[in-house]
Amino acid sequence: MNTKTEPQTLRAAHDTASGRRPAPDANLSAWLAFHQSNARMYRTVADVDRGHHHEALYWVGYETRKAGEVSARIEAEKAKHN
């Protein structure tokens, strides 16, 4: 049984995201997973916390863009080493 509950409000989502933020010097894979997970979390919150629906969707977009940037950096690093 999964006892972990996902945030139900935008405020709780922000708290969750800040609590699981990787160290500044963490590898790019950790940052990619962080941003992808946040995008999924904010998408769920947008559906649940209807009073903050549009703001949560903003954060979905932000985290998706950040994940894309990190993914591009990972691909550039791979290309540099090939």
PDB file of N, CA and C in Angstrom:
ATOM      1  N   MET A   1       0.842  -1.183   0.000  1.00  0.00           N
ATOM      2  CA  MET A   1       0.000   0.000   0.000  1.00  0.00           C
ATOM      3  C   MET A   1       0.879   1.236   0.000  1.00  0.00           C
ATOM      4  N   ASN A   2       0.566   2.215  -0.861  1.00  0.00           N
ATOM      5  CA  ASN A   2       1.329   3.446  -0.950  1.00  0.00           C
ATOM      6  C   ASN A   2       0.779   4.443   0.057  1.00  0.00           C
ATOM      7  N   THR A   3       1.588   4.792   1.068  1.00  0.00           N
ATOM      8  CA  THR A   3       1.132   5.731   2.091  1.00  0.00           C
ATOM      9  C   THR A   3       1.510   7.165   1.742  1.00  0.00           C
ATOM     10  N   LYS A   4       2.298   7.345   0.711  1.00  0.00           N
ATOM     11  CA  LYS A   4       2.692   8.678   0.289  1.00  0.00           C
ATOM     12  C   LYS A   4       1.515   9.332  -0.425  1.00  0.00           C
ATOM     13  N   THR A   5       1.195  10.540  -0.037  1.00  0.00           N
ATOM     14  CA  THR A   5       0.114  11.255  -0.702  1.00  0.00           C
ATOM     15  C   THR A   5       0.691  12.403  -1.515  1.00  0.00           C
ATOM     16  N   GLU A   6       0.094  12.630  -2.653  1.00  0.00           N
ATOM     17  CA  GLU A   6       0.504  13.728  -3.506  1.00  0.00           C
ATOM     18  C   GLU A   6      -0.114  15.021  -2.985  1.00  0.00           C
ATOM     19  N   PRO A   7       0.542  16.137  -3.218  1.00  0.00           N
ATOM     20  CA  PRO A   7      -0.011  17.422  -2.777  1.00  0.00           C
ATOM     21  C   PRO A   7      -1.377  17.681  -3.412  1.00  0.00           C
ATOM     22  N   GLN A   8      -2.243  18.317  -2.663  1.00  0.00           N
ATOM     23  CA  GLN A   8      -3.584  18.623  -3.145  1.00  0.00           C
ATOM     24  C   GLN A   8      -3.783  20.115  -3.406  1.00  0.00           C
ATOM     25  N   THR A   9      -2.807  20.930  -2.994  1.00  0.00           N
ATOM     26  CA  THR A   9      -2.901  22.373  -3.203  1.00  0.00           C
ATOM     27  C   THR A   9      -1.609  22.863  -3.844  1.00  0.00           C
ATOM     28  N   LEU A  10      -1.706  24.031  -4.458  1.00  0.00           N
ATOM     29  CA  LEU A  10      -0.522  24.616  -5.078  1.00  0.00           C
ATOM     30  C   LEU A  10       0.542  24.898  -4.024  1.00  0.00           C
ATOM     31  N   ARG A  11       0.136  25.401  -2.868  1.00  0.00           N
ATOM     32  CA  ARG A  11       1.089  25.688  -1.797  1.00  0.00           C
ATOM     33  C   ARG A  11       1.825  24.414  -1.379  1.00  0.00           C
ATOM     34  N   ALA A  12       1.090  23.326  -1.199  1.00  0.00           N
ATOM     35  CA  ALA A  12       1.706  22.054  -0.817  1.00  0.00           C
ATOM     36  C   ALA A  12       2.638  21.548  -1.920  1.00  0.00           C
ATOM     37  N   ALA A  13       2.267  21.776  -3.175  1.00  0.00           N
ATOM     38  CA  ALA A  13       3.128  21.357  -4.284  1.00  0.00           C
ATOM     39  C   ALA A  13       4.444  22.131  -4.260  1.00  0.00           C
ATOM     40  N   HIS A  14       4.364  23.444  -4.020  1.00  0.00           N
ATOM     41  CA  HIS A  14       5.594  24.243  -3.915  1.00  0.00           C
ATOM     42  C   HIS A  14       6.473  23.737  -2.774  1.00  0.00           C
ATOM     43  N   ASP A  15       5.853  23.430  -1.653  1.00  0.00           N
ATOM     44  CA  ASP A  15       6.608  22.916  -0.503  1.00  0.00           C
ATOM     45  C   ASP A  15       7.272  21.581  -0.843  1.00  0.00           C
ATOM     46  N   THR A  16       6.532  20.712  -1.512  1.00  0.00           N
ATOM     47  CA  THR A  16       7.075  19.416  -1.914  1.00  0.00           C
ATOM     48  C   THR A  16       8.246  19.590  -2.865  1.00  0.00           C
ATOM     49  N   ALA A  17       8.077  20.457  -3.853  1.00  0.00           N
ATOM     50  CA  ALA A  17       9.139  20.688  -4.840  1.00  0.00           C
ATOM     51  C   ALA A  17      10.397  21.234  -4.167  1.00  0.00           C
ATOM     52  N   SER A  18      10.242  22.190  -3.275  1.00  0.00           N
ATOM     53  CA  SER A  18      11.430  22.758  -2.626  1.00  0.00           C
ATOM     54  C   SER A  18      12.093  21.749  -1.699  1.00  0.00           C
ATOM     55  N   GLY A  19      11.314  20.840  -1.141  1.00  0.00           N
ATOM     56  CA  GLY A  19      11.874  19.834  -0.248  1.00  0.00           C
ATOM     57  C   GLY A  19      12.647  18.733  -0.947  1.00  0.00           C
ATOM     58  N   ARG A  20      12.366  18.522  -2.217  1.00  0.00           N
ATOM     59  CA  ARG A  20      13.062  17.446  -2.930  1.00  0.00           C
ATOM     60  C   ARG A  20      14.042  17.972  -3.976  1.00  0.00           C
ATOM     61  N   ARG A  21      14.278  19.275  -3.948  1.00  0.00           N
ATOM     62  CA  ARG A  21      15.191  19.907  -4.902  1.00  0.00           C
ATOM     63  C   ARG A  21      16.593  19.318  -4.751  1.00  0.00           C
ATOM     64  N   PRO A  22      17.212  18.913  -5.877  1.00  0.00           N
ATOM     65  CA  PRO A  22      18.574  18.372  -5.800  1.00  0.00           C
ATOM     66  C   PRO A  22      19.577  19.452  -5.385  1.00  0.00           C
ATOM     67  N   ALA A  23      20.716  19.006  -4.938  1.00  0.00           N
ATOM     68  CA  ALA A  23      21.803  19.937  -4.616  1.00  0.00           C
ATOM     69  C   ALA A  23      22.210  20.661  -5.893  1.00  0.00           C
ATOM     70  N   PRO A  24      22.679  21.898  -5.768  1.00  0.00           N
ATOM     71  CA  PRO A  24      23.080  22.648  -6.968  1.00  0.00           C
ATOM     72  C   PRO A  24      24.083  21.912  -7.855  1.00  0.00           C
ATOM     73  N   ASP A  25      24.930  21.099  -7.244  1.00  0.00           N
ATOM     74  CA  ASP A  25      25.951  20.383  -8.018  1.00  0.00           C
ATOM     75  C   ASP A  25      25.532  18.949  -8.373  1.00  0.00           C
ATOM     76  N   ALA A  26      24.241  18.645  -8.231  1.00  0.00           N
ATOM     77  CA  ALA A  26      23.752  17.299  -8.580  1.00  0.00           C
ATOM     78  C   ALA A  26      23.913  17.072 -10.083  1.00  0.00           C
ATOM     79  N   ASN A  27      23.995  15.806 -10.461  1.00  0.00           N
ATOM     80  CA  ASN A  27      24.162  15.511 -11.891  1.00  0.00           C
ATOM     81  C   ASN A  27      22.886  15.870 -12.656  1.00  0.00           C
ATOM     82  N   LEU A  28      23.053  15.999 -13.966  1.00  0.00           N
ATOM     83  CA  LEU A  28      21.940  16.432 -14.809  1.00  0.00           C
ATOM     84  C   LEU A  28      20.769  15.466 -14.788  1.00  0.00           C
ATOM     85  N   SER A  29      21.037  14.182 -14.612  1.00  0.00           N
ATOM     86  CA  SER A  29      19.944  13.200 -14.547  1.00  0.00           C
ATOM     87  C   SER A  29      19.039  13.466 -13.349  1.00  0.00           C
ATOM     88  N   ALA A  30      19.630  13.860 -12.231  1.00  0.00           N
ATOM     89  CA  ALA A  30      18.841  14.179 -11.035  1.00  0.00           C
ATOM     90  C   ALA A  30      17.968  15.406 -11.292  1.00  0.00           C
ATOM     91  N   TRP A  31      18.540  16.395 -11.959  1.00  0.00           N
ATOM     92  CA  TRP A  31      17.770  17.608 -12.272  1.00  0.00           C
ATOM     93  C   TRP A  31      16.657  17.316 -13.274  1.00  0.00           C
ATOM     94  N   LEU A  32      16.921  16.457 -14.243  1.00  0.00           N
ATOM     95  CA  LEU A  32      15.892  16.091 -15.212  1.00  0.00           C
ATOM     96  C   LEU A  32      14.733  15.394 -14.507  1.00  0.00           C
ATOM     97  N   ALA A  33      15.044  14.434 -13.666  1.00  0.00           N
ATOM     98  CA  ALA A  33      13.998  13.720 -12.928  1.00  0.00           C
ATOM     99  C   ALA A  33      13.202  14.675 -12.037  1.00  0.00           C
ATOM    100  N   PHE A  34      13.880  15.624 -11.416  1.00  0.00           N
ATOM    101  CA  PHE A  34      13.237  16.619 -10.555  1.00  0.00           C
ATOM    102  C   PHE A  34      12.208  17.431 -11.352  1.00  0.00           C
ATOM    103  N   HIS A  35      12.624  17.970 -12.480  1.00  0.00           N
ATOM    104  CA  HIS A  35      11.720  18.808 -13.270  1.00  0.00           C
ATOM    105  C   HIS A  35      10.574  18.001 -13.875  1.00  0.00           C
ATOM    106  N   GLN A  36      10.849  16.788 -14.331  1.00  0.00           N
ATOM    107  CA  GLN A  36       9.784  15.947 -14.887  1.00  0.00           C
ATOM    108  C   GLN A  36       8.757  15.586 -13.816  1.00  0.00           C
ATOM    109  N   SER A  37       9.252  15.256 -12.635  1.00  0.00           N
ATOM    110  CA  SER A  37       8.353  14.911 -11.535  1.00  0.00           C
ATOM    111  C   SER A  37       7.508  16.116 -11.123  1.00  0.00           C
ATOM    112  N   ASN A  38       8.141  17.281 -11.070  1.00  0.00           N
ATOM    113  CA  ASN A  38       7.399  18.495 -10.718  1.00  0.00           C
ATOM    114  C   ASN A  38       6.315  18.788 -11.747  1.00  0.00           C
ATOM    115  N   ALA A  39       6.623  18.622 -13.024  1.00  0.00           N
ATOM    116  CA  ALA A  39       5.616  18.878 -14.063  1.00  0.00           C
ATOM    117  C   ALA A  39       4.409  17.970 -13.866  1.00  0.00           C
ATOM    118  N   ARG A  40       4.655  16.699 -13.584  1.00  0.00           N
ATOM    119  CA  ARG A  40       3.541  15.765 -13.342  1.00  0.00           C
ATOM    120  C   ARG A  40       2.747  16.184 -12.105  1.00  0.00           C
ATOM    121  N   MET A  41       3.453  16.567 -11.051  1.00  0.00           N
ATOM    122  CA  MET A  41       2.796  16.957  -9.803  1.00  0.00           C
ATOM    123  C   MET A  41       1.922  18.192 -10.015  1.00  0.00           C
ATOM    124  N   TYR A  42       2.459  19.211 -10.682  1.00  0.00           N
ATOM    125  CA  TYR A  42       1.683  20.427 -10.912  1.00  0.00           C
ATOM    126  C   TYR A  42       0.489  20.162 -11.831  1.00  0.00           C
ATOM    127  N   ARG A  43       0.623  19.236 -12.776  1.00  0.00           N
ATOM    128  CA  ARG A  43      -0.499  18.876 -13.640  1.00  0.00           C
ATOM    129  C   ARG A  43      -1.636  18.299 -12.784  1.00  0.00           C
ATOM    130  N   THR A  44      -1.298  17.435 -11.853  1.00  0.00           N
ATOM    131  CA  THR A  44      -2.308  16.856 -10.965  1.00  0.00           C
ATOM    132  C   THR A  44      -2.938  17.934 -10.093  1.00  0.00           C
ATOM    133  N   VAL A  45      -2.103  18.815  -9.546  1.00  0.00           N
ATOM    134  CA  VAL A  45      -2.615  19.882  -8.685  1.00  0.00           C
ATOM    135  C   VAL A  45      -3.551  20.803  -9.472  1.00  0.00           C
ATOM    136  N   ALA A  46      -3.246  21.059 -10.724  1.00  0.00           N
ATOM    137  CA  ALA A  46      -4.115  21.916 -11.543  1.00  0.00           C
ATOM    138  C   ALA A  46      -5.521  21.349 -11.637  1.00  0.00           C
ATOM    139  N   ASP A  47      -5.627  20.042 -11.626  1.00  0.00           N
ATOM    140  CA  ASP A  47      -6.937  19.398 -11.695  1.00  0.00           C
ATOM    141  C   ASP A  47      -7.651  19.360 -10.349  1.00  0.00           C
ATOM    142  N   VAL A  48      -6.894  19.422  -9.264  1.00  0.00           N
ATOM    143  CA  VAL A  48      -7.475  19.284  -7.928  1.00  0.00           C
ATOM    144  C   VAL A  48      -7.729  20.645  -7.275  1.00  0.00           C
ATOM    145  N   ASP A  49      -6.746  21.522  -7.317  1.00  0.00           N
ATOM    146  CA  ASP A  49      -6.844  22.848  -6.685  1.00  0.00           C
ATOM    147  C   ASP A  49      -7.373  23.828  -7.740  1.00  0.00           C
ATOM    148  N   ARG A  50      -8.669  23.764  -7.971  1.00  0.00           N
ATOM    149  CA  ARG A  50      -9.270  24.535  -9.065  1.00  0.00           C
ATOM    150  C   ARG A  50      -9.132  26.039  -8.863  1.00  0.00           C
ATOM    151  N   GLY A  51      -8.979  26.501  -7.643  1.00  0.00           N
ATOM    152  CA  GLY A  51      -8.786  27.923  -7.389  1.00  0.00           C
ATOM    153  C   GLY A  51      -7.432  28.429  -7.886  1.00  0.00           C
ATOM    154  N   HIS A  52      -6.505  27.516  -8.077  1.00  0.00           N
ATOM    155  CA  HIS A  52      -5.167  27.860  -8.571  1.00  0.00           C
ATOM    156  C   HIS A  52      -4.848  27.138  -9.877  1.00  0.00           C
ATOM    157  N   HIS A  53      -5.899  26.770 -10.609  1.00  0.00           N
ATOM    158  CA  HIS A  53      -5.750  25.990 -11.834  1.00  0.00           C
ATOM    159  C   HIS A  53      -4.762  26.624 -12.815  1.00  0.00           C
ATOM    160  N   HIS A  54      -4.966  27.888 -13.144  1.00  0.00           N
ATOM    161  CA  HIS A  54      -4.122  28.521 -14.154  1.00  0.00           C
ATOM    162  C   HIS A  54      -2.692  28.729 -13.662  1.00  0.00           C
ATOM    163  N   GLU A  55      -2.547  29.049 -12.407  1.00  0.00           N
ATOM    164  CA  GLU A  55      -1.196  29.202 -11.863  1.00  0.00           C
ATOM    165  C   GLU A  55      -0.468  27.862 -11.858  1.00  0.00           C
ATOM    166  N   ALA A  56      -1.165  26.803 -11.506  1.00  0.00           N
ATOM    167  CA  ALA A  56      -0.546  25.471 -11.527  1.00  0.00           C
ATOM    168  C   ALA A  56      -0.162  25.091 -12.953  1.00  0.00           C
ATOM    169  N   LEU A  57      -0.994  25.451 -13.924  1.00  0.00           N
ATOM    170  CA  LEU A  57      -0.645  25.172 -15.319  1.00  0.00           C
ATOM    171  C   LEU A  57       0.594  25.961 -15.747  1.00  0.00           C
ATOM    172  N   TYR A  58       0.743  27.173 -15.233  1.00  0.00           N
ATOM    173  CA  TYR A  58       1.970  27.929 -15.499  1.00  0.00           C
ATOM    174  C   TYR A  58       3.172  27.104 -15.040  1.00  0.00           C
ATOM    175  N   TRP A  59       3.086  26.543 -13.829  1.00  0.00           N
ATOM    176  CA  TRP A  59       4.204  25.765 -13.285  1.00  0.00           C
ATOM    177  C   TRP A  59       4.431  24.479 -14.069  1.00  0.00           C
ATOM    178  N   VAL A  60       3.379  23.895 -14.628  1.00  0.00           N
ATOM    179  CA  VAL A  60       3.550  22.737 -15.511  1.00  0.00           C
ATOM    180  C   VAL A  60       4.434  23.147 -16.682  1.00  0.00           C
ATOM    181  N   GLY A  61       4.102  24.264 -17.300  1.00  0.00           N
ATOM    182  CA  GLY A  61       4.881  24.750 -18.430  1.00  0.00           C
ATOM    183  C   GLY A  61       6.313  25.081 -18.057  1.00  0.00           C
ATOM    184  N   TYR A  62       6.480  25.729 -16.919  1.00  0.00           N
ATOM    185  CA  TYR A  62       7.821  26.091 -16.454  1.00  0.00           C
ATOM    186  C   TYR A  62       8.680  24.846 -16.255  1.00  0.00           C
ATOM    187  N   GLU A  63       8.142  23.877 -15.532  1.00  0.00           N
ATOM    188  CA  GLU A  63       8.906  22.662 -15.249  1.00  0.00           C
ATOM    189  C   GLU A  63       9.159  21.853 -16.523  1.00  0.00           C
ATOM    190  N   THR A  64       8.219  21.860 -17.436  1.00  0.00           N
ATOM    191  CA  THR A  64       8.404  21.163 -18.714  1.00  0.00           C
ATOM    192  C   THR A  64       9.526  21.824 -19.509  1.00  0.00           C
ATOM    193  N   ARG A  65       9.545  23.162 -19.537  1.00  0.00           N
ATOM    194  CA  ARG A  65      10.627  23.878 -20.231  1.00  0.00           C
ATOM    195  C   ARG A  65      11.978  23.586 -19.589  1.00  0.00           C
ATOM    196  N   LYS A  66      12.027  23.613 -18.262  1.00  0.00           N
ATOM    197  CA  LYS A  66      13.285  23.337 -17.568  1.00  0.00           C
ATOM    198  C   LYS A  66      13.759  21.918 -17.854  1.00  0.00           C
ATOM    199  N   ALA A  67      12.832  20.964 -17.874  1.00  0.00           N
ATOM    200  CA  ALA A  67      13.194  19.577 -18.196  1.00  0.00           C
ATOM    201  C   ALA A  67      13.755  19.500 -19.612  1.00  0.00           C
ATOM    202  N   GLY A  68      13.151  20.237 -20.534  1.00  0.00           N
ATOM    203  CA  GLY A  68      13.648  20.265 -21.899  1.00  0.00           C
ATOM    204  C   GLY A  68      15.057  20.843 -21.985  1.00  0.00           C
ATOM    205  N   GLU A  69      15.329  21.890 -21.219  1.00  0.00           N
ATOM    206  CA  GLU A  69      16.660  22.491 -21.201  1.00  0.00           C
ATOM    207  C   GLU A  69      17.700  21.516 -20.658  1.00  0.00           C
ATOM    208  N   VAL A  70      17.346  20.835 -19.590  1.00  0.00           N
ATOM    209  CA  VAL A  70      18.267  19.866 -18.999  1.00  0.00           C
ATOM    210  C   VAL A  70      18.493  18.700 -19.955  1.00  0.00           C
ATOM    211  N   SER A  71      17.423  18.243 -20.578  1.00  0.00           N
ATOM    212  CA  SER A  71      17.545  17.149 -21.535  1.00  0.00           C
ATOM    213  C   SER A  71      18.473  17.542 -22.690  1.00  0.00           C
ATOM    214  N   ALA A  72      18.348  18.763 -23.166  1.00  0.00           N
ATOM    215  CA  ALA A  72      19.225  19.244 -24.239  1.00  0.00           C
ATOM    216  C   ALA A  72      20.678  19.283 -23.778  1.00  0.00           C
ATOM    217  N   ARG A  73      20.903  19.678 -22.536  1.00  0.00           N
ATOM    218  CA  ARG A  73      22.270  19.685 -21.994  1.00  0.00           C
ATOM    219  C   ARG A  73      22.833  18.271 -21.906  1.00  0.00           C
ATOM    220  N   ILE A  74      21.994  17.323 -21.511  1.00  0.00           N
ATOM    221  CA  ILE A  74      22.437  15.920 -21.432  1.00  0.00           C
ATOM    222  C   ILE A  74      22.828  15.431 -22.828  1.00  0.00           C
ATOM    223  N   GLU A  75      21.979  15.723 -23.810  1.00  0.00           N
ATOM    224  CA  GLU A  75      22.259  15.299 -25.178  1.00  0.00           C
ATOM    225  C   GLU A  75      23.536  15.967 -25.710  1.00  0.00           C
ATOM    226  N   ALA A  76      23.756  17.224 -25.380  1.00  0.00           N
ATOM    227  CA  ALA A  76      24.967  17.920 -25.809  1.00  0.00           C
ATOM    228  C   ALA A  76      26.209  17.292 -25.187  1.00  0.00           C
ATOM    229  N   GLU A  77      26.096  16.916 -23.926  1.00  0.00           N
ATOM    230  CA  GLU A  77      27.226  16.252 -23.258  1.00  0.00           C
ATOM    231  C   GLU A  77      27.532  14.905 -23.913  1.00  0.00           C
ATOM    232  N   LYS A  78      26.468  14.171 -24.249  1.00  0.00           N
ATOM    233  CA  LYS A  78      26.663  12.882 -24.923  1.00  0.00           C
ATOM    234  C   LYS A  78      27.342  13.080 -26.266  1.00  0.00           C
ATOM    235  N   ALA A  79      26.897  14.066 -27.032  1.00  0.00           N
ATOM    236  CA  ALA A  79      27.460  14.329 -28.353  1.00  0.00           C
ATOM    237  C   ALA A  79      28.921  14.755 -28.254  1.00  0.00           C
ATOM    238  N   LYS A  80      29.231  15.487 -27.211  1.00  0.00           N
ATOM    239  CA  LYS A  80      30.613  15.957 -27.018  1.00  0.00           C
ATOM    240  C   LYS A  80      31.565  14.797 -26.758  1.00  0.00           C
ATOM    241  N   HIS A  81      31.055  13.745 -26.155  1.00  0.00           N
ATOM    242  CA  HIS A  81      31.898  12.589 -25.797  1.00  0.00           C
ATOM    243  C   HIS A  81      31.878  11.491 -26.847  1.00  0.00           C
ATOM    244  N   ASN A  82      31.201  11.705 -27.940  1.00  0.00           N
ATOM    245  CA  ASN A  82      31.156  10.678 -29.017  1.00  0.00           C
ATOM    246  C   ASN A  82      32.071  11.024 -30.139  1.00  0.00           C
TER     247      ASN A  82
END
